[in-house]
Amino acid sequence: MTRTIVCPALALGVWISMSAPSRAADPAPAVQSVFDCRSIADSAGRLACYDQAVAAMARAEDAGDLVAIDRRQRSALHRQAFGFNIPSLNLLERDGTSVQDERLEAKVASASRDASGRWIIRLEDGAVWAQTDDGVLGRDPRSGSTAVIHHGALGSFFIDFDGRPGFRAARRS
């Protein structure tokens, strides 16, 4: 079974269409059939087409063949995936380009050291980051600290704590 993610999602019960040049990929067949109804000049015929196409779309969604998410859900998905290289997330962008945030601010749930003495940071959202360098902190991170994670060179990330320099890190989970 193939699952299709459609964006933007349902707004007030009506699918918002996107102009063809800005779409990253062709819409799912169930969505395309709704778009195709726009070209029917006769009002009664267009309504009948919409009724049939929307019913097919609802069946596809009920069967799990079509998944719709809105902008808020898409933003939450990007935040949850911050730090992972997931090229397929570009499917969620209207023009096919990544909108990976440059930085993420979150609260530290816990901070501990592994067997080698490097920091393991668990954020309140469940994300786990591990120190990858041998940097020494002026003040240890702790539960409640504000962590700011930002991109470094060549796909690396840095975590700063409470406005103070931190260390290079990699997302673990």
Protein backbone atom coordinates (compact mmCIF):
# COMPACT_ATOMS: atom_id res chain seq x y z
CA MET A 1 0.00 0.00 0.00
CA THR A 2 1.39 3.40 -0.95
CA ARG A 3 0.84 6.38 1.32
CA THR A 4 0.73 9.83 -0.19
CA ILE A 5 1.26 13.00 1.81
CA VAL A 6 -0.62 16.02 0.52
CA CYS A 7 0.16 19.61 1.47
CA PRO A 8 -1.38 22.08 2.14
CA ALA A 9 -4.19 20.29 3.81
CA LEU A 10 -7.89 20.72 4.16
CA ALA A 11 -8.94 24.28 4.94
CA LEU A 12 -12.61 24.74 5.91
CA GLY A 13 -13.45 21.48 4.21
CA VAL A 14 -12.11 22.53 0.82
CA TRP A 15 -8.79 21.44 -0.64
CA ILE A 16 -6.62 24.41 -1.44
CA SER A 17 -5.14 24.04 -4.86
CA MET A 18 -1.61 25.08 -5.63
CA SER A 19 -0.54 26.52 -8.94
CA ALA A 20 1.21 23.95 -11.13
CA PRO A 21 4.62 25.68 -11.36
CA SER A 22 5.01 25.82 -7.57
CA ARG A 23 4.25 22.14 -6.87
CA ALA A 24 7.19 19.96 -5.93
CA ALA A 25 5.49 16.86 -7.34
CA ASP A 26 2.32 15.98 -9.18
CA PRO A 27 -0.63 15.69 -6.82
CA ALA A 28 -1.96 12.31 -5.80
CA PRO A 29 -4.58 10.94 -8.20
CA ALA A 30 -7.36 11.47 -5.65
CA VAL A 31 -6.39 15.14 -5.36
CA GLN A 32 -5.84 15.57 -9.10
CA SER A 33 -9.40 14.41 -9.76
CA VAL A 34 -10.68 17.26 -7.55
CA PHE A 35 -8.46 19.73 -9.43
CA ASP A 36 -9.72 18.40 -12.76
CA CYS A 37 -13.30 19.26 -11.83
CA ARG A 38 -12.42 22.96 -12.03
CA SER A 39 -12.36 22.77 -15.81
CA ILE A 40 -16.02 21.73 -16.13
CA ALA A 41 -18.02 24.77 -17.30
CA ASP A 42 -21.49 23.46 -16.44
CA SER A 43 -22.27 24.17 -12.76
CA ALA A 44 -24.30 21.02 -12.21
CA GLY A 45 -21.67 18.87 -13.94
CA ARG A 46 -18.86 20.53 -11.95
CA LEU A 47 -20.72 19.93 -8.68
CA ALA A 48 -21.35 16.29 -9.58
CA CYS A 49 -17.65 15.92 -10.44
CA TYR A 50 -16.62 17.50 -7.11
CA ASP A 51 -19.02 15.26 -5.18
CA GLN A 52 -17.59 12.14 -6.84
CA ALA A 53 -13.96 13.27 -6.52
CA VAL A 54 -14.26 14.29 -2.87
CA ALA A 55 -15.93 10.96 -2.04
CA ALA A 56 -13.00 9.15 -3.71
CA MET A 57 -10.56 11.35 -1.77
CA ALA A 58 -12.31 10.52 1.51
CA ARG A 59 -12.13 6.78 0.70
CA ALA A 60 -8.41 7.11 -0.08
CA GLU A 61 -7.81 8.92 3.21
CA ASP A 62 -9.86 6.36 5.16
CA ALA A 63 -7.84 3.56 3.54
CA GLY A 64 -4.56 5.25 4.43
CA ASP A 65 -3.62 5.79 0.78
CA LEU A 66 -3.77 9.57 1.20
CA VAL A 67 -2.50 11.53 4.20
CA ALA A 68 -3.13 15.24 4.54
CA ILE A 69 -1.24 17.56 6.88
CA ASP A 70 -1.57 21.29 7.39
CA ARG A 71 1.14 23.95 7.77
CA ARG A 72 1.21 23.64 11.58
CA GLN A 73 1.67 19.86 11.39
CA ARG A 74 4.33 20.27 8.69
CA SER A 75 6.20 22.75 10.88
CA ALA A 76 6.02 20.37 13.86
CA LEU A 77 7.36 17.56 11.66
CA HIS A 78 10.33 19.68 10.58
CA ARG A 79 11.03 20.65 14.20
CA GLN A 80 10.87 17.02 15.32
CA ALA A 81 13.28 15.98 12.54
CA PHE A 82 15.77 18.83 13.19
CA GLY A 83 19.28 17.42 13.15
CA PHE A 84 18.48 14.41 10.97
CA ASN A 85 19.23 14.36 7.25
CA ILE A 86 15.91 13.29 5.75
CA PRO A 87 15.83 14.37 2.10
CA SER A 88 12.32 12.98 1.59
CA LEU A 89 10.99 15.75 3.87
CA ASN A 90 11.49 18.04 0.87
CA LEU A 91 8.32 16.47 -0.49
CA LEU A 92 6.46 18.63 2.03
CA GLU A 93 7.72 21.88 0.52
CA ARG A 94 5.79 23.65 -2.20
CA ASP A 95 8.81 24.38 -4.37
CA GLY A 96 10.82 21.25 -3.55
CA THR A 97 13.47 23.07 -1.52
CA SER A 98 14.26 22.26 2.07
CA VAL A 99 13.13 24.63 4.76
CA GLN A 100 15.35 23.12 7.42
CA ASP A 101 15.51 25.61 10.27
CA GLU A 102 18.91 27.13 10.88
CA ARG A 103 18.53 26.84 14.65
CA LEU A 104 16.37 25.25 17.27
CA GLU A 105 15.79 26.43 20.82
CA ALA A 106 14.57 23.92 23.39
CA LYS A 107 14.66 23.12 27.09
CA VAL A 108 16.99 20.45 28.43
CA ALA A 109 15.14 17.60 30.17
CA SER A 110 18.33 15.88 31.32
CA ALA A 111 22.09 16.09 30.82
CA SER A 112 24.48 13.28 31.60
CA ARG A 113 27.87 11.97 30.55
CA ASP A 114 28.59 8.75 28.70
CA ALA A 115 31.43 6.33 29.49
CA SER A 116 33.91 8.50 27.59
CA GLY A 117 32.93 11.64 29.50
CA ARG A 118 31.05 13.27 26.62
CA TRP A 119 27.68 14.87 27.19
CA ILE A 120 24.36 13.26 26.28
CA ILE A 121 21.57 15.83 26.19
CA ARG A 122 17.88 14.85 26.19
CA LEU A 123 15.53 17.68 25.29
CA GLU A 124 11.99 18.06 26.59
CA ASP A 125 10.62 17.01 23.18
CA GLY A 126 12.47 13.67 23.48
CA ALA A 127 15.30 14.46 21.05
CA VAL A 128 18.71 13.14 22.16
CA TRP A 129 21.95 14.87 21.19
CA ALA A 130 25.46 13.59 21.87
CA GLN A 131 28.67 15.60 22.14
CA THR A 132 31.07 14.77 19.30
CA ASP A 133 34.07 16.89 20.23
CA ASP A 134 36.23 17.15 23.34
CA GLY A 135 35.17 20.69 24.22
CA VAL A 136 35.02 21.65 27.88
CA LEU A 137 32.13 23.73 29.17
CA GLY A 138 32.44 26.62 31.56
CA ARG A 139 29.21 25.55 33.22
CA ASP A 140 27.57 22.15 32.92
CA PRO A 141 24.17 21.93 31.25
CA ARG A 142 21.35 20.85 33.52
CA SER A 143 17.66 20.14 33.49
CA GLY A 144 15.85 23.37 32.60
CA SER A 145 18.79 24.88 30.70
CA THR A 146 17.96 26.52 27.40
CA ALA A 147 19.73 24.76 24.56
CA VAL A 148 20.23 26.51 21.23
CA ILE A 149 21.21 24.09 18.48
CA HIS A 150 22.52 25.59 15.27
CA HIS A 151 24.11 24.43 12.04
CA GLY A 152 27.87 24.37 11.69
CA ALA A 153 30.01 23.65 8.64
CA LEU A 154 29.63 20.50 6.54
CA GLY A 155 26.41 19.34 8.15
CA SER A 156 27.60 19.59 11.74
CA PHE A 157 25.68 21.07 14.67
CA PHE A 158 26.61 23.04 17.77
CA ILE A 159 24.71 23.27 21.04
CA ASP A 160 25.02 26.32 23.26
CA PHE A 161 23.53 26.40 26.76
CA ASP A 162 21.98 29.39 28.52
CA GLY A 163 23.71 31.81 26.15
CA ARG A 164 27.18 30.31 26.68
CA PRO A 165 29.28 28.41 24.14
CA GLY A 166 28.72 24.69 24.15
CA PHE A 167 30.04 21.91 21.95
CA ARG A 168 29.72 20.15 18.61
CA ALA A 169 26.99 17.51 18.68
CA ALA A 170 25.06 14.99 16.60
CA ARG A 171 21.43 13.98 16.84
CA ARG A 172 21.05 10.42 18.17
CA SER A 173 17.28 10.01 18.44
